[in-house]
Amino acid sequence: MKLNRIYEVIEKEGSTKKELVLHNIKRIYHSVKAEYNTIEEIRNNADIILDKVIENIWENVEKAPNKLDEFDQETIDFSLMIVIVDAFMRCNILEEPPKAK
């Protein structure tokens, strides 16, 4: 997977950016999830929670000085979603789905 190779290059250079990105996405998820009181509310609002996480990440990206101007919005959106999904999988973010009856 291309993303794994990018992470490997970052790690070889001694950078902690990968861990920082993953940590920040996890932190944002937990702060958004804290708005809900029970696991049932979290499960029922999973799409809303994910949307809020993405919105929060975008706010952070827009505040930071960056070089995203050279990319079209569709490419940026798609890339961001790949990183977010990867972070959710690597950090084991999200609660277990309800067990089938």
C-alpha atoms as a PDB file:
ATOM      1  CA  MET A   1       0.000   0.000   0.000  1.00  0.00           C
ATOM      2  CA  LYS A   2       1.353   3.388  -0.973  1.00  0.00           C
ATOM      3  CA  LEU A   3       0.428   4.954   2.379  1.00  0.00           C
ATOM      4  CA  ASN A   4       2.528   2.361   4.231  1.00  0.00           C
ATOM      5  CA  ARG A   5       5.534   3.254   2.072  1.00  0.00           C
ATOM      6  CA  ILE A   6       5.031   6.939   2.829  1.00  0.00           C
ATOM      7  CA  TYR A   7       4.886   6.151   6.553  1.00  0.00           C
ATOM      8  CA  GLU A   8       8.086   4.065   6.232  1.00  0.00           C
ATOM      9  CA  VAL A   9       9.960   6.932   4.565  1.00  0.00           C
ATOM     10  CA  ILE A  10       8.775   9.334   7.273  1.00  0.00           C
ATOM     11  CA  GLU A  11       9.926   6.918   9.996  1.00  0.00           C
ATOM     12  CA  LYS A  12      13.329   6.309   8.364  1.00  0.00           C
ATOM     13  CA  GLU A  13      13.933  10.051   8.406  1.00  0.00           C
ATOM     14  CA  GLY A  14      13.363   9.949  12.149  1.00  0.00           C
ATOM     15  CA  SER A  15      10.219  12.015  12.003  1.00  0.00           C
ATOM     16  CA  THR A  16       7.364  11.544  14.446  1.00  0.00           C
ATOM     17  CA  LYS A  17       4.851  13.083  12.062  1.00  0.00           C
ATOM     18  CA  LYS A  18       3.042   9.781  11.447  1.00  0.00           C
ATOM     19  CA  GLU A  19       2.469   9.217  15.157  1.00  0.00           C
ATOM     20  CA  LEU A  20       1.453  12.842  15.594  1.00  0.00           C
ATOM     21  CA  VAL A  21      -1.092  12.635  12.769  1.00  0.00           C
ATOM     22  CA  LEU A  22      -2.541   9.385  14.104  1.00  0.00           C
ATOM     23  CA  HIS A  23      -2.587  10.735  17.663  1.00  0.00           C
ATOM     24  CA  ASN A  24      -4.357  13.943  16.604  1.00  0.00           C
ATOM     25  CA  ILE A  25      -7.035  12.089  14.655  1.00  0.00           C
ATOM     26  CA  LYS A  26      -7.628   9.787  17.629  1.00  0.00           C
ATOM     27  CA  ARG A  27      -7.734  12.779  20.014  1.00  0.00           C
ATOM     28  CA  ILE A  28     -10.255  14.570  17.810  1.00  0.00           C
ATOM     29  CA  TYR A  29     -12.402  11.429  17.610  1.00  0.00           C
ATOM     30  CA  HIS A  30     -12.441  11.030  21.386  1.00  0.00           C
ATOM     31  CA  SER A  31     -13.345  14.684  21.937  1.00  0.00           C
ATOM     32  CA  VAL A  32     -16.230  14.455  19.451  1.00  0.00           C
ATOM     33  CA  LYS A  33     -17.379  11.114  20.875  1.00  0.00           C
ATOM     34  CA  ALA A  34     -17.435  12.635  24.381  1.00  0.00           C
ATOM     35  CA  GLU A  35     -20.553  14.576  23.344  1.00  0.00           C
ATOM     36  CA  TYR A  36     -22.484  11.291  23.592  1.00  0.00           C
ATOM     37  CA  ASN A  37     -23.186   9.501  26.873  1.00  0.00           C
ATOM     38  CA  THR A  38     -23.750   5.861  26.007  1.00  0.00           C
ATOM     39  CA  ILE A  39     -22.346   3.337  23.590  1.00  0.00           C
ATOM     40  CA  GLU A  40     -25.797   3.133  22.026  1.00  0.00           C
ATOM     41  CA  GLU A  41     -25.794   6.898  21.322  1.00  0.00           C
ATOM     42  CA  ILE A  42     -22.298   6.603  19.861  1.00  0.00           C
ATOM     43  CA  ARG A  43     -23.351   3.751  17.569  1.00  0.00           C
ATOM     44  CA  ASN A  44     -26.550   5.537  16.528  1.00  0.00           C
ATOM     45  CA  ASN A  45     -24.606   8.697  15.688  1.00  0.00           C
ATOM     46  CA  ALA A  46     -21.523   7.093  14.110  1.00  0.00           C
ATOM     47  CA  ASP A  47     -21.970   8.919  10.785  1.00  0.00           C
ATOM     48  CA  ILE A  48     -22.414  12.256  12.535  1.00  0.00           C
ATOM     49  CA  ILE A  49     -19.344  11.597  14.679  1.00  0.00           C
ATOM     50  CA  LEU A  50     -17.246  10.748  11.622  1.00  0.00           C
ATOM     51  CA  ASP A  51     -18.488  13.877   9.828  1.00  0.00           C
ATOM     52  CA  LYS A  52     -17.568  16.011  12.852  1.00  0.00           C
ATOM     53  CA  VAL A  53     -14.095  14.430  13.001  1.00  0.00           C
ATOM     54  CA  ILE A  54     -13.543  15.214   9.322  1.00  0.00           C
ATOM     55  CA  GLU A  55     -14.851  18.757   9.790  1.00  0.00           C
ATOM     56  CA  ASN A  56     -12.557  19.293  12.777  1.00  0.00           C
ATOM     57  CA  ILE A  57      -9.545  17.980  10.857  1.00  0.00           C
ATOM     58  CA  TRP A  58     -10.357  20.279   7.938  1.00  0.00           C
ATOM     59  CA  GLU A  59     -10.502  23.246  10.307  1.00  0.00           C
ATOM     60  CA  ASN A  60      -7.027  22.332  11.545  1.00  0.00           C
ATOM     61  CA  VAL A  61      -5.697  21.878   8.004  1.00  0.00           C
ATOM     62  CA  GLU A  62      -7.085  25.242   6.919  1.00  0.00           C
ATOM     63  CA  LYS A  63      -5.468  27.010   9.905  1.00  0.00           C
ATOM     64  CA  ALA A  64      -2.020  25.569   9.246  1.00  0.00           C
ATOM     65  CA  PRO A  65       0.315  27.064   6.660  1.00  0.00           C
ATOM     66  CA  ASN A  66       0.492  24.504   3.896  1.00  0.00           C
ATOM     67  CA  LYS A  67       1.115  23.873   0.244  1.00  0.00           C
ATOM     68  CA  LEU A  68      -2.245  22.395  -0.636  1.00  0.00           C
ATOM     69  CA  ASP A  69      -2.912  25.116  -3.198  1.00  0.00           C
ATOM     70  CA  GLU A  70      -1.190  23.053  -5.872  1.00  0.00           C
ATOM     71  CA  PHE A  71      -3.808  20.280  -5.559  1.00  0.00           C
ATOM     72  CA  ASP A  72      -7.432  20.340  -6.632  1.00  0.00           C
ATOM     73  CA  GLN A  73     -10.091  20.005  -3.915  1.00  0.00           C
ATOM     74  CA  GLU A  74     -11.168  16.528  -5.040  1.00  0.00           C
ATOM     75  CA  THR A  75      -7.617  15.189  -4.645  1.00  0.00           C
ATOM     76  CA  ILE A  76      -7.287  16.768  -1.208  1.00  0.00           C
ATOM     77  CA  ASP A  77     -10.651  15.391  -0.049  1.00  0.00           C
ATOM     78  CA  PHE A  78      -9.843  11.899  -1.312  1.00  0.00           C
ATOM     79  CA  SER A  79      -6.368  11.908   0.267  1.00  0.00           C
ATOM     80  CA  LEU A  80      -7.706  13.143   3.581  1.00  0.00           C
ATOM     81  CA  MET A  81     -10.283  10.357   3.666  1.00  0.00           C
ATOM     82  CA  ILE A  82      -7.579   7.739   3.023  1.00  0.00           C
ATOM     83  CA  VAL A  83      -5.498   9.052   5.920  1.00  0.00           C
ATOM     84  CA  ILE A  84      -8.532   9.229   8.234  1.00  0.00           C
ATOM     85  CA  VAL A  85      -9.669   5.677   7.422  1.00  0.00           C
ATOM     86  CA  ASP A  86      -6.103   4.444   7.873  1.00  0.00           C
ATOM     87  CA  ALA A  87      -5.854   6.224  11.222  1.00  0.00           C
ATOM     88  CA  PHE A  88      -9.139   4.743  12.404  1.00  0.00           C
ATOM     89  CA  MET A  89      -7.897   1.254  11.509  1.00  0.00           C
ATOM     90  CA  ARG A  90      -4.351   1.630  12.911  1.00  0.00           C
ATOM     91  CA  CYS A  91      -5.538   3.219  16.161  1.00  0.00           C
ATOM     92  CA  ASN A  92      -8.497   0.852  16.570  1.00  0.00           C
ATOM     93  CA  ILE A  93     -10.793   3.843  16.773  1.00  0.00           C
ATOM     94  CA  LEU A  94     -14.538   3.194  16.827  1.00  0.00           C
ATOM     95  CA  GLU A  95     -16.460   0.952  19.103  1.00  0.00           C
ATOM     96  CA  GLU A  96     -17.397  -2.624  18.403  1.00  0.00           C
ATOM     97  CA  PRO A  97     -20.615  -2.887  16.397  1.00  0.00           C
ATOM     98  CA  PRO A  98     -23.600  -4.407  18.182  1.00  0.00           C
ATOM     99  CA  LYS A  99     -23.561  -8.183  18.201  1.00  0.00           C
ATOM    100  CA  ALA A 100     -26.001  -9.884  15.860  1.00  0.00           C
ATOM    101  CA  LYS A 101     -28.893 -11.520  17.621  1.00  0.00           C
END
